[in-house]
Amino acid sequence: MSSLLKYLPSRKARRTGPRSDDADERVSTVPVDEQLDVKRRKSAGDSDDASLASQEITTAVDPDLNPGELSFEEDAAGGMGRHLGVFSCTLLIVGRIIGTGIFSTPSSILGSVGSVGASLMLWVLGFALSFCGLFIWLEFGTMFPRSGGEKVYLEAVYKKPKHLATVIFAANAILLGFTASGCIVFAQNILVSAGHTADRWVTRGIALGVIGFVTLLHGLTPRLGVWVMNGLSVFKIVILLFVVVSGWVVLSGHTRVQDPHANFRNAFAGSSHSSNDYATATFKVLNAYAGWSNVNYVLNNVKNPVRTLKIAGPLGLGICAVLYLLANISYFAAATKEEITKSGVTVASLFFRNVFGEQAQKALTVFVALSALGNVITVTFAAARINQELAKEGIPLPFGNRFWASNWPTGKSPLPGLIIHLIPSVIVIIAPPPNVAYPFILDVEGYPSQIINFFIVIGLFWLRWHKPNVPRPFKVWLPLAVFFLAAAIFLLVAPFLPPANGKGDTPPLPYYLYCLVGIAIMVAGVLYWAAWRIVPRWFGYEYVPRKETLSDGTVVTLFSRKKIQ
């Protein structure tokens, strides 16, 4: 308990008022031309000086764009500081993107769209959409180089009603920000590799052990957590390279596979004509690519964040996109369409069996388990920082925001933010039956994300129109943003259209149910915001913000109830 109290603020903790202090006034009076000159020097690579590298030029030029209650310097205070370079940030993206999706979802995507050609085209489309999204997030991330990702960008654009965008994002990030599926996949594959039956409760027990281990790893030994995360990301690249090279050998005809070119003849035969099938399959592809924005969530920990983000983002996504497309070609070279469709979820297992035999198939289960573990470690690392940013912003949480925003107990890593991530993960691991629940949860995660993406792109257009002269260290080509917006609209509408089989991919649940659940979660955020910001006014009270500095240096916004005069 004494260690906990150490990292909570004392009565003598420093408090500051609203963001109109002298320091901010001095920043805002810097001439625009001088700020733009700083921007040009940074873009040219002349930004090694720590003071330049840590400036948020956009809000220095236009303080009205400052997201949330905290200034840039206050938001970056506390923790380990800027310790992630280009190498770690690139692997942060690679480790988040490459999980279990590339080893499992190609079979379900093929089953949805009906042909090898359509399946490959969806992977190319996912690649294109992900790069469009990456460039949009690069513009926002270089304008606002803070941890939190979409939270920051929504706050910068949608300022009224105050805190509404923040609370809606918080509902999505906290309620759907779990890593249960990765923990379950790790447990199942480890049991199979050990020759044991993957009993439901044994699997759940191992999965709980995994999420507990990852929480303590990042919470108590943060530097070791980064090293383990980087090591597993490199391991995943090596595994996919092995699959790709093996696929080339298969296509050359020097393996036991009889006809490696069979799937590429008349590749579009049997393609589905249902918009719902393509929308649902696209959600799965985009889920497999999910993670290209991972560095945006942890920018307070990144050295020279603007330059690093512009390098690590395209590099990390590019590595994954090339490996994904070539891995799919390898899968389709090693097995027929019928074999892949009937193989269940792990198409990589079928590939290893057909090419190398059953012993290699057993070894793959270890590889998939380690890949899942690496994905859990990477997702958890970023999710904890998002949760910490939400707590720092003053979103009301049980037991108060001081604890949840702190870096207790080490003063370097947000264990409380990790606990926020741990709770829904434990619930999802224990509560639902896995056969129907996990595909359904995969779909539910994707739908609210598309709603958020839609508003992010609209926000980009709004800023371009209303704030055309603020510094933008990176500018996305607007046709790419229009394409991304069109895709987001399609993915919001198409899931409500009846699928070809009339049931979708999660029977007996209605095919449109995951969309309604995703919308309901965001509506819950609206209701929570109303209970916090509107209902107290009915009783003559309002909540007034103040800032407080915790013992570990973290600055947090706290709200006090005040009677309306």
Protein backbone atom coordinates (compact mmCIF):
# COMPACT_ATOMS: atom_id res chain seq x y z
CA MET A 1 0.00 0.00 0.00
CA SER A 2 2.87 2.35 0.73
CA SER A 3 4.18 1.91 -2.81
CA LEU A 4 0.73 2.72 -4.17
CA LEU A 5 0.47 5.91 -2.09
CA LYS A 6 3.89 6.95 -3.36
CA TYR A 7 2.58 7.24 -6.89
CA LEU A 8 -0.66 9.00 -6.00
CA PRO A 9 -0.63 12.77 -5.51
CA SER A 10 -0.16 14.21 -2.05
CA ARG A 11 -2.13 17.16 -0.76
CA LYS A 12 0.82 19.33 -1.67
CA ALA A 13 0.81 18.21 -5.30
CA ARG A 14 1.13 21.07 -7.75
CA ARG A 15 -2.13 22.27 -9.25
CA THR A 16 -2.52 24.55 -12.20
CA GLY A 17 -5.49 26.33 -13.65
CA PRO A 18 -6.91 26.34 -17.16
CA ARG A 19 -4.50 26.34 -20.08
CA SER A 20 -3.91 30.06 -20.21
CA ASP A 21 -0.68 30.25 -18.23
CA ASP A 22 2.27 32.45 -19.12
CA ALA A 23 4.25 29.59 -20.70
CA ASP A 24 1.51 28.88 -23.19
CA GLU A 25 1.17 32.57 -23.98
CA ARG A 26 4.88 32.79 -24.72
CA VAL A 27 4.62 29.81 -27.09
CA SER A 28 1.59 31.17 -28.90
CA THR A 29 3.29 34.53 -29.63
CA VAL A 30 6.07 32.97 -31.71
CA PRO A 31 5.70 34.35 -35.27
CA VAL A 32 4.10 32.03 -37.79
CA ASP A 33 6.99 32.46 -40.25
CA GLU A 34 9.45 31.32 -37.60
CA GLN A 35 7.32 28.30 -36.79
CA LEU A 36 7.09 27.39 -40.47
CA ASP A 37 10.87 27.73 -40.74
CA VAL A 38 11.20 25.25 -37.84
CA LYS A 39 8.83 22.95 -39.70
CA ARG A 40 10.92 23.13 -42.87
CA ARG A 41 14.11 22.35 -40.96
CA LYS A 42 12.44 19.37 -39.31
CA SER A 43 11.16 18.09 -42.64
CA ALA A 44 14.67 18.34 -44.05
CA GLY A 45 16.00 16.21 -41.22
CA ASP A 46 17.64 19.05 -39.27
CA SER A 47 15.80 18.16 -36.07
CA ASP A 48 18.33 16.41 -33.88
CA ASP A 49 18.10 19.15 -31.28
CA ALA A 50 15.86 17.88 -28.48
CA SER A 51 13.96 21.15 -28.12
CA LEU A 52 13.00 21.15 -31.81
CA ALA A 53 12.20 17.46 -31.88
CA SER A 54 9.80 17.77 -28.96
CA GLN A 55 7.80 20.77 -30.22
CA GLU A 56 4.21 20.46 -31.36
CA ILE A 57 4.36 23.16 -34.01
CA THR A 58 0.71 23.03 -35.04
CA THR A 59 -0.70 24.01 -31.66
CA ALA A 60 2.14 26.51 -31.11
CA VAL A 61 0.94 28.35 -34.22
CA ASP A 62 -2.79 27.88 -33.48
CA PRO A 63 -3.52 27.18 -29.78
CA ASP A 64 -7.22 26.72 -30.59
CA LEU A 65 -6.34 23.32 -32.07
CA ASN A 66 -4.91 22.04 -28.79
CA PRO A 67 -6.65 18.68 -28.17
CA GLY A 68 -8.11 18.15 -24.71
CA GLU A 69 -7.21 19.98 -21.52
CA LEU A 70 -3.45 19.34 -21.35
CA SER A 71 -0.75 21.23 -23.20
CA PHE A 72 1.80 19.31 -25.27
CA GLU A 73 4.47 19.51 -22.56
CA GLU A 74 2.02 18.44 -19.84
CA ASP A 75 0.77 15.54 -21.93
CA ALA A 76 4.31 14.19 -22.50
CA ALA A 77 5.34 14.47 -18.84
CA GLY A 78 6.03 11.39 -16.69
CA GLY A 79 6.95 7.79 -17.49
CA MET A 80 10.12 6.68 -19.27
CA GLY A 81 10.17 9.63 -21.63
CA ARG A 82 11.19 9.29 -25.27
CA HIS A 83 12.98 5.95 -25.55
CA LEU A 84 11.60 4.33 -28.75
CA GLY A 85 13.57 4.84 -31.98
CA VAL A 86 12.87 4.00 -35.63
CA PHE A 87 13.79 0.33 -35.20
CA SER A 88 11.50 -0.26 -32.22
CA CYS A 89 8.66 1.74 -33.79
CA THR A 90 8.86 -0.22 -37.05
CA LEU A 91 8.72 -3.47 -35.10
CA LEU A 92 5.88 -2.04 -33.00
CA ILE A 93 3.85 -1.84 -36.22
CA VAL A 94 5.03 -5.20 -37.57
CA GLY A 95 4.39 -6.95 -34.25
CA ARG A 96 0.88 -5.50 -34.04
CA ILE A 97 -0.10 -6.34 -37.63
CA ILE A 98 1.35 -9.85 -37.80
CA GLY A 99 -0.61 -11.85 -35.26
CA THR A 100 -2.63 -14.93 -36.07
CA GLY A 101 -4.71 -13.40 -38.89
CA ILE A 102 -2.33 -14.25 -41.73
CA PHE A 103 -2.08 -17.84 -40.49
CA SER A 104 -5.84 -18.35 -40.11
CA THR A 105 -8.19 -15.91 -41.87
CA PRO A 106 -7.27 -16.66 -45.53
CA SER A 107 -9.47 -19.77 -45.39
CA SER A 108 -12.53 -17.91 -44.02
CA ILE A 109 -12.02 -15.07 -46.52
CA LEU A 110 -11.88 -17.58 -49.36
CA GLY A 111 -15.03 -19.20 -48.02
CA SER A 112 -16.82 -15.84 -47.97
CA VAL A 113 -15.93 -14.58 -51.47
CA GLY A 114 -15.84 -17.97 -53.18
CA SER A 115 -12.75 -17.72 -55.37
CA VAL A 116 -8.97 -17.48 -55.14
CA GLY A 117 -8.85 -14.44 -57.44
CA ALA A 118 -11.43 -12.49 -55.42
CA SER A 119 -9.64 -13.44 -52.21
CA LEU A 120 -6.28 -12.14 -53.48
CA MET A 121 -7.94 -8.97 -54.74
CA LEU A 122 -9.33 -8.35 -51.24
CA TRP A 123 -5.84 -8.68 -49.75
CA VAL A 124 -4.61 -6.12 -52.30
CA LEU A 125 -7.58 -3.88 -51.45
CA GLY A 126 -6.75 -4.22 -47.75
CA PHE A 127 -3.18 -3.21 -48.55
CA ALA A 128 -4.38 -0.13 -50.49
CA LEU A 129 -6.90 0.92 -47.84
CA SER A 130 -4.35 0.47 -45.07
CA PHE A 131 -1.84 2.70 -46.84
CA CYS A 132 -4.50 5.36 -47.43
CA GLY A 133 -5.39 5.19 -43.75
CA LEU A 134 -1.72 5.29 -42.77
CA PHE A 135 -1.15 8.49 -44.76
CA ILE A 136 -4.20 10.14 -43.15
CA TRP A 137 -2.97 9.13 -39.68
CA LEU A 138 0.52 10.39 -40.62
CA GLU A 139 -0.91 13.85 -41.31
CA PHE A 140 -2.71 13.88 -37.98
CA GLY A 141 0.17 12.25 -36.09
CA THR A 142 2.76 14.73 -37.32
CA MET A 143 0.41 17.65 -36.57
CA PHE A 144 -0.31 16.33 -33.06
CA PRO A 145 2.63 14.10 -32.00
CA ARG A 146 0.98 12.87 -28.78
CA SER A 147 0.02 9.47 -27.44
CA GLY A 148 -3.60 8.44 -27.89
CA GLY A 149 -4.07 8.19 -31.66
CA GLU A 150 -7.70 8.74 -32.66
CA LYS A 151 -8.51 10.17 -29.23
CA VAL A 152 -6.25 13.15 -29.93
CA TYR A 153 -7.45 13.71 -33.50
CA LEU A 154 -11.13 13.58 -32.56
CA GLU A 155 -10.53 16.02 -29.70
CA ALA A 156 -8.71 18.45 -32.00
CA VAL A 157 -11.59 18.55 -34.49
CA TYR A 158 -14.84 17.80 -32.61
CA LYS A 159 -14.63 20.24 -29.72
CA LYS A 160 -18.38 20.66 -29.21
CA PRO A 161 -20.16 19.22 -27.33
CA LYS A 162 -17.11 19.25 -25.07
CA HIS A 163 -15.65 15.80 -24.24
CA LEU A 164 -18.34 13.93 -26.25
CA ALA A 165 -15.90 12.61 -28.83
CA THR A 166 -13.47 11.62 -26.06
CA VAL A 167 -16.06 9.60 -24.12
CA ILE A 168 -17.39 7.84 -27.23
CA PHE A 169 -13.85 6.85 -28.17
CA ALA A 170 -13.22 5.74 -24.58
CA ALA A 171 -16.25 3.42 -24.66
CA ASN A 172 -14.93 1.76 -27.80
CA ALA A 173 -11.30 1.63 -26.65
CA ILE A 174 -12.04 0.20 -23.19
CA LEU A 175 -14.95 -2.15 -23.92
CA LEU A 176 -13.49 -3.52 -27.18
CA GLY A 177 -9.79 -3.05 -26.42
CA PHE A 178 -9.16 -6.61 -25.27
CA THR A 179 -6.73 -9.25 -26.53
CA ALA A 180 -8.68 -12.35 -25.54
CA SER A 181 -8.57 -14.01 -28.96
CA GLY A 182 -4.75 -13.88 -29.12
CA CYS A 183 -4.50 -15.42 -25.64
CA ILE A 184 -6.90 -18.22 -26.61
CA VAL A 185 -5.02 -18.93 -29.85
CA PHE A 186 -1.74 -19.15 -27.91
CA ALA A 187 -3.26 -21.57 -25.40
CA GLN A 188 -4.84 -23.81 -28.05
CA ASN A 189 -1.67 -24.09 -30.11
CA ILE A 190 0.57 -24.72 -27.12
CA LEU A 191 -1.70 -27.56 -26.00
CA VAL A 192 -1.75 -29.09 -29.48
CA SER A 193 2.04 -28.88 -29.78
CA ALA A 194 2.36 -30.60 -26.39
CA GLY A 195 0.04 -33.41 -27.50
CA HIS A 196 -2.82 -32.50 -25.15
CA THR A 197 -6.48 -32.00 -25.93
CA ALA A 198 -7.44 -28.33 -25.98
CA ASP A 199 -10.08 -28.63 -23.26
CA ARG A 200 -12.14 -25.46 -22.88
CA TRP A 201 -11.26 -24.68 -19.26
CA VAL A 202 -7.62 -25.70 -19.61
CA THR A 203 -7.42 -23.39 -22.61
CA ARG A 204 -9.03 -20.60 -20.66
CA GLY A 205 -6.67 -21.13 -17.74
CA ILE A 206 -3.60 -20.81 -19.97
CA ALA A 207 -5.11 -17.77 -21.69
CA LEU A 208 -5.65 -16.08 -18.33
CA GLY A 209 -2.04 -16.85 -17.44
CA VAL A 210 -0.88 -15.23 -20.69
CA ILE A 211 -2.76 -11.97 -20.20
CA GLY A 212 -1.63 -11.85 -16.56
CA PHE A 213 2.01 -12.43 -17.56
CA VAL A 214 1.91 -9.73 -20.25
CA THR A 215 0.33 -7.25 -17.84
CA LEU A 216 3.09 -7.79 -15.27
CA LEU A 217 5.81 -7.81 -17.96
CA HIS A 218 4.93 -4.34 -19.22
CA GLY A 219 3.86 -3.02 -15.83
CA LEU A 220 6.88 -4.05 -13.74
CA THR A 221 9.73 -4.50 -16.25
CA PRO A 222 8.99 -2.04 -19.08
CA ARG A 223 12.40 -2.21 -20.80
CA LEU A 224 12.34 -6.01 -20.82
CA GLY A 225 8.83 -5.81 -22.26
CA VAL A 226 10.09 -3.74 -25.21
CA TRP A 227 12.98 -6.16 -25.83
CA VAL A 228 10.67 -9.19 -25.79
CA MET A 229 8.23 -7.37 -28.06
CA ASN A 230 10.96 -6.53 -30.58
CA GLY A 231 12.39 -10.06 -30.49
CA LEU A 232 9.04 -11.70 -31.22
CA SER A 233 8.37 -9.23 -34.04
CA VAL A 234 11.64 -10.19 -35.72
CA PHE A 235 10.73 -13.86 -35.21
CA LYS A 236 7.39 -13.36 -36.98
CA ILE A 237 9.10 -11.73 -39.96
CA VAL A 238 11.43 -14.73 -40.21
CA ILE A 239 8.51 -17.21 -40.10
CA LEU A 240 6.61 -15.43 -42.85
CA LEU A 241 9.77 -15.19 -44.96
CA PHE A 242 10.12 -18.96 -44.57
CA VAL A 243 6.52 -19.44 -45.78
CA VAL A 244 7.12 -17.14 -48.75
CA VAL A 245 10.37 -18.82 -49.83
CA SER A 246 8.76 -22.25 -49.38
CA GLY A 247 5.92 -21.07 -51.62
CA TRP A 248 8.38 -20.17 -54.35
CA VAL A 249 9.82 -23.66 -54.13
CA VAL A 250 6.31 -25.13 -54.37
CA LEU A 251 5.53 -23.06 -57.48
CA SER A 252 8.76 -24.25 -59.07
CA GLY A 253 7.42 -27.82 -58.85
CA HIS A 254 10.14 -29.26 -56.61
CA THR A 255 7.91 -30.44 -53.75
CA ARG A 256 5.34 -33.15 -53.08
CA VAL A 257 2.52 -30.83 -54.23
CA GLN A 258 1.19 -32.31 -57.50
CA ASP A 259 -0.20 -29.23 -59.26
CA PRO A 260 0.88 -25.97 -57.59
CA HIS A 261 -0.71 -23.84 -60.33
CA ALA A 262 -4.23 -25.30 -60.13
CA ASN A 263 -5.73 -22.45 -58.10
CA PHE A 264 -4.39 -19.83 -60.47
CA ARG A 265 -6.19 -21.19 -63.53
CA ASN A 266 -9.60 -19.55 -63.87
CA ALA A 267 -8.92 -17.94 -60.49
CA PHE A 268 -12.22 -16.03 -60.29
CA ALA A 269 -14.50 -19.04 -60.82
CA GLY A 270 -17.18 -19.28 -58.13
CA SER A 271 -16.87 -15.65 -56.95
CA SER A 272 -19.68 -14.42 -54.71
CA HIS A 273 -22.05 -11.70 -55.95
CA SER A 274 -23.17 -10.58 -52.46
CA SER A 275 -22.06 -7.17 -51.12
CA ASN A 276 -22.43 -8.48 -47.58
CA ASP A 277 -19.98 -11.32 -48.27
CA TYR A 278 -17.36 -8.87 -49.53
CA ALA A 279 -17.95 -6.41 -46.69
CA THR A 280 -17.62 -9.10 -44.02
CA ALA A 281 -14.52 -10.54 -45.70
CA THR A 282 -13.04 -7.03 -45.99
CA PHE A 283 -13.49 -6.53 -42.25
CA LYS A 284 -11.42 -9.68 -41.71
CA VAL A 285 -8.71 -8.51 -44.12
CA LEU A 286 -8.55 -5.09 -42.49
CA ASN A 287 -8.40 -6.77 -39.09
CA ALA A 288 -5.39 -8.74 -40.32
CA TYR A 289 -3.77 -5.44 -41.39
CA ALA A 290 -4.83 -3.65 -38.19
CA GLY A 291 -1.90 -2.06 -36.41
CA TRP A 292 -0.47 0.38 -38.96
CA SER A 293 -1.45 3.20 -36.57
CA ASN A 294 0.16 1.56 -33.54
CA VAL A 295 2.97 4.11 -33.17
CA ASN A 296 0.39 6.93 -33.11
CA TYR A 297 -0.84 5.56 -29.77
CA VAL A 298 2.56 5.84 -28.03
CA LEU A 299 4.12 9.01 -29.49
CA ASN A 300 4.93 10.40 -26.03
CA ASN A 301 7.48 7.56 -25.80
CA VAL A 302 9.00 8.12 -29.27
CA LYS A 303 12.29 9.92 -29.96
CA ASN A 304 11.86 12.76 -32.46
CA PRO A 305 8.24 11.67 -33.01
CA VAL A 306 7.52 13.47 -36.31
CA ARG A 307 10.55 12.11 -38.16
CA THR A 308 10.27 8.64 -36.62
CA LEU A 309 6.57 8.32 -37.47
CA LYS A 310 7.15 9.29 -41.11
CA ILE A 311 9.79 6.55 -41.45
CA ALA A 312 8.43 3.72 -39.29
CA GLY A 313 4.82 3.92 -40.52
CA PRO A 314 5.34 3.22 -44.24
CA LEU A 315 8.25 0.86 -43.57
CA GLY A 316 6.37 -1.30 -41.07
CA LEU A 317 3.17 -1.52 -43.11
CA GLY A 318 5.13 -2.10 -46.33
CA ILE A 319 6.99 -5.07 -44.85
CA CYS A 320 3.73 -6.64 -43.69
CA ALA A 321 1.81 -5.98 -46.92
CA VAL A 322 4.46 -7.64 -49.11
CA LEU A 323 4.75 -10.63 -46.79
CA TYR A 324 0.94 -11.00 -46.57
CA LEU A 325 0.37 -11.07 -50.32
CA LEU A 326 3.22 -13.49 -50.99
CA ALA A 327 2.14 -15.75 -48.09
CA ASN A 328 -1.37 -16.00 -49.57
CA ILE A 329 0.09 -17.00 -52.92
CA SER A 330 2.11 -19.68 -51.12
CA TYR A 331 -1.02 -21.03 -49.40
CA PHE A 332 -2.96 -21.23 -52.67
CA ALA A 333 -0.01 -22.95 -54.39
CA ALA A 334 0.17 -25.71 -51.76
CA ALA A 335 -3.52 -26.73 -51.51
CA THR A 336 -6.67 -26.77 -53.58
CA LYS A 337 -9.50 -24.34 -53.01
CA GLU A 338 -11.64 -27.11 -51.55
CA GLU A 339 -8.90 -28.18 -49.11
CA ILE A 340 -8.42 -24.61 -47.89
CA THR A 341 -12.15 -23.99 -47.46
CA LYS A 342 -12.60 -27.20 -45.45
CA SER A 343 -9.38 -26.84 -43.45
CA GLY A 344 -10.97 -24.85 -40.61
CA VAL A 345 -9.21 -21.69 -39.55
CA THR A 346 -5.47 -22.38 -39.68
CA VAL A 347 -4.62 -22.50 -43.38
CA ALA A 348 -0.91 -22.26 -42.55
CA SER A 349 -1.20 -25.65 -40.85
CA LEU A 350 -2.50 -27.15 -44.10
CA PHE A 351 0.37 -25.51 -45.99
CA PHE A 352 3.04 -27.01 -43.71
CA ARG A 353 1.40 -30.46 -43.83
CA ASN A 354 1.16 -30.54 -47.62
CA VAL A 355 4.69 -29.22 -48.17
CA PHE A 356 6.73 -30.67 -45.29
CA GLY A 357 4.61 -33.39 -43.66
CA GLU A 358 2.85 -33.85 -40.33
CA GLN A 359 5.90 -33.23 -38.14
CA ALA A 360 6.32 -29.78 -39.67
CA GLN A 361 2.60 -29.20 -39.17
CA LYS A 362 3.06 -29.85 -35.46
CA ALA A 363 6.00 -27.44 -35.32
CA LEU A 364 3.84 -24.75 -36.87
CA THR A 365 1.58 -24.76 -33.83
CA VAL A 366 4.51 -23.48 -31.77
CA PHE A 367 5.20 -20.75 -34.34
CA VAL A 368 1.56 -19.63 -34.35
CA ALA A 369 1.50 -19.65 -30.55
CA LEU A 370 4.58 -17.41 -30.37
CA SER A 371 3.14 -15.12 -33.03
CA ALA A 372 -0.07 -14.80 -31.02
CA LEU A 373 1.95 -14.08 -27.86
CA GLY A 374 3.92 -11.36 -29.65
CA ASN A 375 0.70 -9.80 -30.88
CA VAL A 376 -0.78 -9.79 -27.37
CA ILE A 377 2.37 -8.16 -25.97
CA THR A 378 2.35 -5.46 -28.66
CA VAL A 379 -1.38 -4.71 -28.48
CA THR A 380 -1.25 -4.51 -24.69
CA PHE A 381 1.71 -2.11 -24.77
CA ALA A 382 -0.21 0.40 -26.92
CA ALA A 383 -3.62 -0.14 -25.29
CA ALA A 384 -2.24 0.72 -21.85
CA ARG A 385 -1.00 4.09 -23.15
CA ILE A 386 -4.41 4.84 -24.66
CA ASN A 387 -6.11 4.04 -21.36
CA GLN A 388 -3.63 6.23 -19.51
CA GLU A 389 -4.32 9.12 -21.89
CA LEU A 390 -8.07 8.76 -21.32
CA ALA A 391 -7.53 8.85 -17.56
CA LYS A 392 -5.24 11.90 -17.88
CA GLU A 393 -7.97 13.68 -19.81
CA GLY A 394 -10.30 13.35 -16.84
CA ILE A 395 -12.81 10.82 -18.18
CA PRO A 396 -14.54 9.69 -14.93
CA LEU A 397 -13.40 6.22 -13.93
CA PRO A 398 -14.08 4.15 -10.78
CA PHE A 399 -11.75 4.92 -7.84
CA GLY A 400 -10.65 8.22 -9.37
CA ASN A 401 -8.36 9.26 -12.21
CA ARG A 402 -5.18 9.80 -10.20
CA PHE A 403 -4.50 6.10 -9.92
CA TRP A 404 -5.49 5.16 -13.49
CA ALA A 405 -3.39 7.96 -14.98
CA SER A 406 -0.30 7.17 -12.90
CA ASN A 407 2.78 5.09 -13.68
CA TRP A 408 2.44 3.10 -10.46
CA PRO A 409 4.40 1.25 -9.10
CA THR A 410 7.64 1.73 -11.09
CA GLY A 411 7.13 5.34 -12.11
CA LYS A 412 8.01 4.31 -15.67
CA SER A 413 5.13 2.23 -17.02
CA PRO A 414 1.31 2.58 -16.65
CA LEU A 415 0.38 -0.60 -14.78
CA PRO A 416 -3.06 0.89 -13.96
CA GLY A 417 -3.67 1.40 -17.68
CA LEU A 418 -2.69 -2.23 -18.20
CA ILE A 419 -5.23 -3.27 -15.57
CA ILE A 420 -7.97 -1.41 -17.48
CA HIS A 421 -6.98 -3.50 -20.50
CA LEU A 422 -6.80 -6.68 -18.42
CA ILE A 423 -10.36 -6.57 -17.07
CA PRO A 424 -12.36 -6.87 -20.35
CA SER A 425 -9.83 -9.40 -21.66
CA VAL A 426 -10.46 -11.67 -18.64
CA ILE A 427 -14.23 -11.32 -19.06
CA VAL A 428 -14.13 -12.25 -22.75
CA ILE A 429 -11.81 -15.22 -22.08
CA ILE A 430 -14.08 -16.66 -19.39
CA ALA A 431 -17.64 -15.76 -20.33
CA PRO A 432 -18.67 -16.64 -23.91
CA PRO A 433 -18.56 -20.00 -25.76
CA PRO A 434 -15.65 -19.71 -28.19
CA ASN A 435 -17.05 -21.32 -31.36
CA VAL A 436 -19.52 -18.55 -32.14
CA ALA A 437 -18.26 -15.81 -29.83
CA TYR A 438 -14.78 -15.21 -31.24
CA PRO A 439 -15.77 -14.76 -34.93
CA PHE A 440 -18.59 -12.51 -33.72
CA ILE A 441 -16.24 -10.46 -31.53
CA LEU A 442 -13.86 -10.08 -34.49
CA ASP A 443 -16.70 -8.53 -36.51
CA VAL A 444 -17.87 -6.35 -33.60
CA GLU A 445 -14.38 -4.89 -33.18
CA GLY A 446 -14.26 -3.89 -36.84
CA TYR A 447 -17.56 -2.01 -37.14
CA PRO A 448 -17.09 0.78 -34.52
CA SER A 449 -13.56 1.27 -35.86
CA GLN A 450 -15.02 2.10 -39.26
CA ILE A 451 -17.36 4.64 -37.65
CA ILE A 452 -14.37 6.30 -35.97
CA ASN A 453 -12.39 6.18 -39.25
CA PHE A 454 -15.29 7.91 -41.01
CA PHE A 455 -15.25 10.82 -38.56
CA ILE A 456 -11.44 11.03 -38.64
CA VAL A 457 -11.46 11.53 -42.44
CA ILE A 458 -14.29 14.06 -42.21
CA GLY A 459 -12.18 15.84 -39.61
CA LEU A 460 -9.23 15.89 -42.01
CA PHE A 461 -11.33 17.62 -44.66
CA TRP A 462 -12.67 20.08 -42.06
CA LEU A 463 -9.16 21.03 -40.94
CA ARG A 464 -7.98 21.44 -44.53
CA TRP A 465 -10.90 23.79 -45.19
CA HIS A 466 -10.96 25.81 -41.96
CA LYS A 467 -7.27 25.68 -40.97
CA PRO A 468 -5.41 25.59 -44.30
CA ASN A 469 -2.30 27.44 -43.09
CA VAL A 470 -1.37 25.55 -39.94
CA PRO A 471 1.90 23.58 -40.21
CA ARG A 472 1.52 20.04 -41.55
CA PRO A 473 4.85 18.15 -41.57
CA PHE A 474 3.10 15.53 -43.74
CA LYS A 475 0.16 16.04 -46.12
CA VAL A 476 -1.88 13.17 -47.53
CA TRP A 477 -2.94 13.43 -51.18
CA LEU A 478 -6.65 14.23 -50.94
CA PRO A 479 -7.82 11.62 -53.53
CA LEU A 480 -6.41 8.94 -51.21
CA ALA A 481 -8.45 10.34 -48.35
CA VAL A 482 -11.57 10.38 -50.56
CA PHE A 483 -10.96 6.73 -51.47
CA PHE A 484 -10.56 5.81 -47.80
CA LEU A 485 -13.76 7.69 -46.96
CA ALA A 486 -15.70 5.89 -49.72
CA ALA A 487 -14.46 2.54 -48.43
CA ALA A 488 -15.48 3.44 -44.88
CA ILE A 489 -19.00 4.35 -46.06
CA PHE A 490 -19.30 1.07 -47.96
CA LEU A 491 -18.15 -0.90 -44.93
CA LEU A 492 -20.73 0.87 -42.78
CA VAL A 493 -23.64 0.17 -45.15
CA ALA A 494 -22.88 -3.20 -46.78
CA PRO A 495 -23.07 -5.37 -43.61
CA PHE A 496 -26.79 -4.59 -43.39
CA LEU A 497 -27.42 -6.06 -46.86
CA PRO A 498 -28.48 -9.74 -46.78
CA PRO A 499 -25.62 -12.19 -47.48
CA ALA A 500 -25.87 -14.86 -50.17
CA ASN A 501 -26.55 -17.64 -47.63
CA GLY A 502 -28.95 -15.45 -45.64
CA LYS A 503 -27.11 -16.24 -42.38
CA GLY A 504 -23.70 -14.60 -42.44
CA ASP A 505 -20.62 -16.18 -40.85
CA THR A 506 -21.80 -16.38 -37.22
CA PRO A 507 -25.01 -18.47 -37.23
CA PRO A 508 -27.33 -18.77 -35.36
CA LEU A 509 -26.75 -15.05 -34.67
CA PRO A 510 -28.35 -12.66 -37.20
CA TYR A 511 -25.86 -11.45 -39.82
CA TYR A 512 -26.43 -7.78 -38.89
CA LEU A 513 -26.20 -8.25 -35.12
CA TYR A 514 -22.50 -7.34 -34.84
CA CYS A 515 -23.22 -3.96 -36.47
CA LEU A 516 -25.98 -3.23 -33.96
CA VAL A 517 -23.77 -4.25 -31.04
CA GLY A 518 -20.98 -1.98 -32.30
CA ILE A 519 -23.39 0.94 -32.61
CA ALA A 520 -24.83 0.16 -29.16
CA ILE A 521 -21.37 0.43 -27.61
CA MET A 522 -20.93 3.90 -29.08
CA VAL A 523 -24.43 4.90 -27.95
CA ALA A 524 -23.45 3.74 -24.45
CA GLY A 525 -20.58 6.23 -24.68
CA VAL A 526 -23.06 9.01 -25.49
CA LEU A 527 -25.22 8.07 -22.49
CA TYR A 528 -22.17 7.98 -20.21
CA TRP A 529 -21.17 11.43 -21.42
CA ALA A 530 -24.70 12.74 -20.80
CA ALA A 531 -24.69 11.34 -17.26
CA TRP A 532 -21.39 13.15 -16.63
CA ARG A 533 -21.88 16.46 -18.43
CA ILE A 534 -25.66 17.09 -18.70
CA VAL A 535 -27.51 15.34 -15.86
CA PRO A 536 -25.62 17.20 -13.06
CA ARG A 537 -26.85 20.49 -14.53
CA TRP A 538 -30.44 19.39 -13.89
CA PHE A 539 -29.55 19.42 -10.19
CA GLY A 540 -27.71 22.75 -10.29
CA TYR A 541 -24.13 21.42 -10.52
CA GLU A 542 -21.35 21.34 -13.08
CA TYR A 543 -17.87 19.78 -13.23
CA VAL A 544 -14.94 22.21 -13.46
CA PRO A 545 -11.48 20.99 -14.60
CA ARG A 546 -8.18 21.53 -12.85
CA LYS A 547 -4.72 20.05 -13.42
CA GLU A 548 -2.64 18.16 -10.90
CA THR A 549 0.87 16.73 -11.09
CA LEU A 550 1.37 13.25 -9.63
CA SER A 551 4.45 12.07 -7.79
CA ASP A 552 5.82 10.37 -10.92
CA GLY A 553 5.59 13.59 -12.95
CA THR A 554 2.38 12.71 -14.81
CA VAL A 555 -0.04 15.61 -15.24
CA VAL A 556 -3.71 14.65 -14.95
CA THR A 557 -6.94 16.62 -15.43
CA LEU A 558 -9.35 16.29 -12.51
CA PHE A 559 -12.93 17.53 -12.33
CA SER A 560 -14.51 19.00 -9.21
CA ARG A 561 -18.23 19.44 -8.71
CA LYS A 562 -19.26 23.07 -8.41
CA LYS A 563 -22.66 24.60 -7.80
CA ILE A 564 -23.90 26.69 -10.70
CA GLN A 565 -24.33 30.28 -9.60
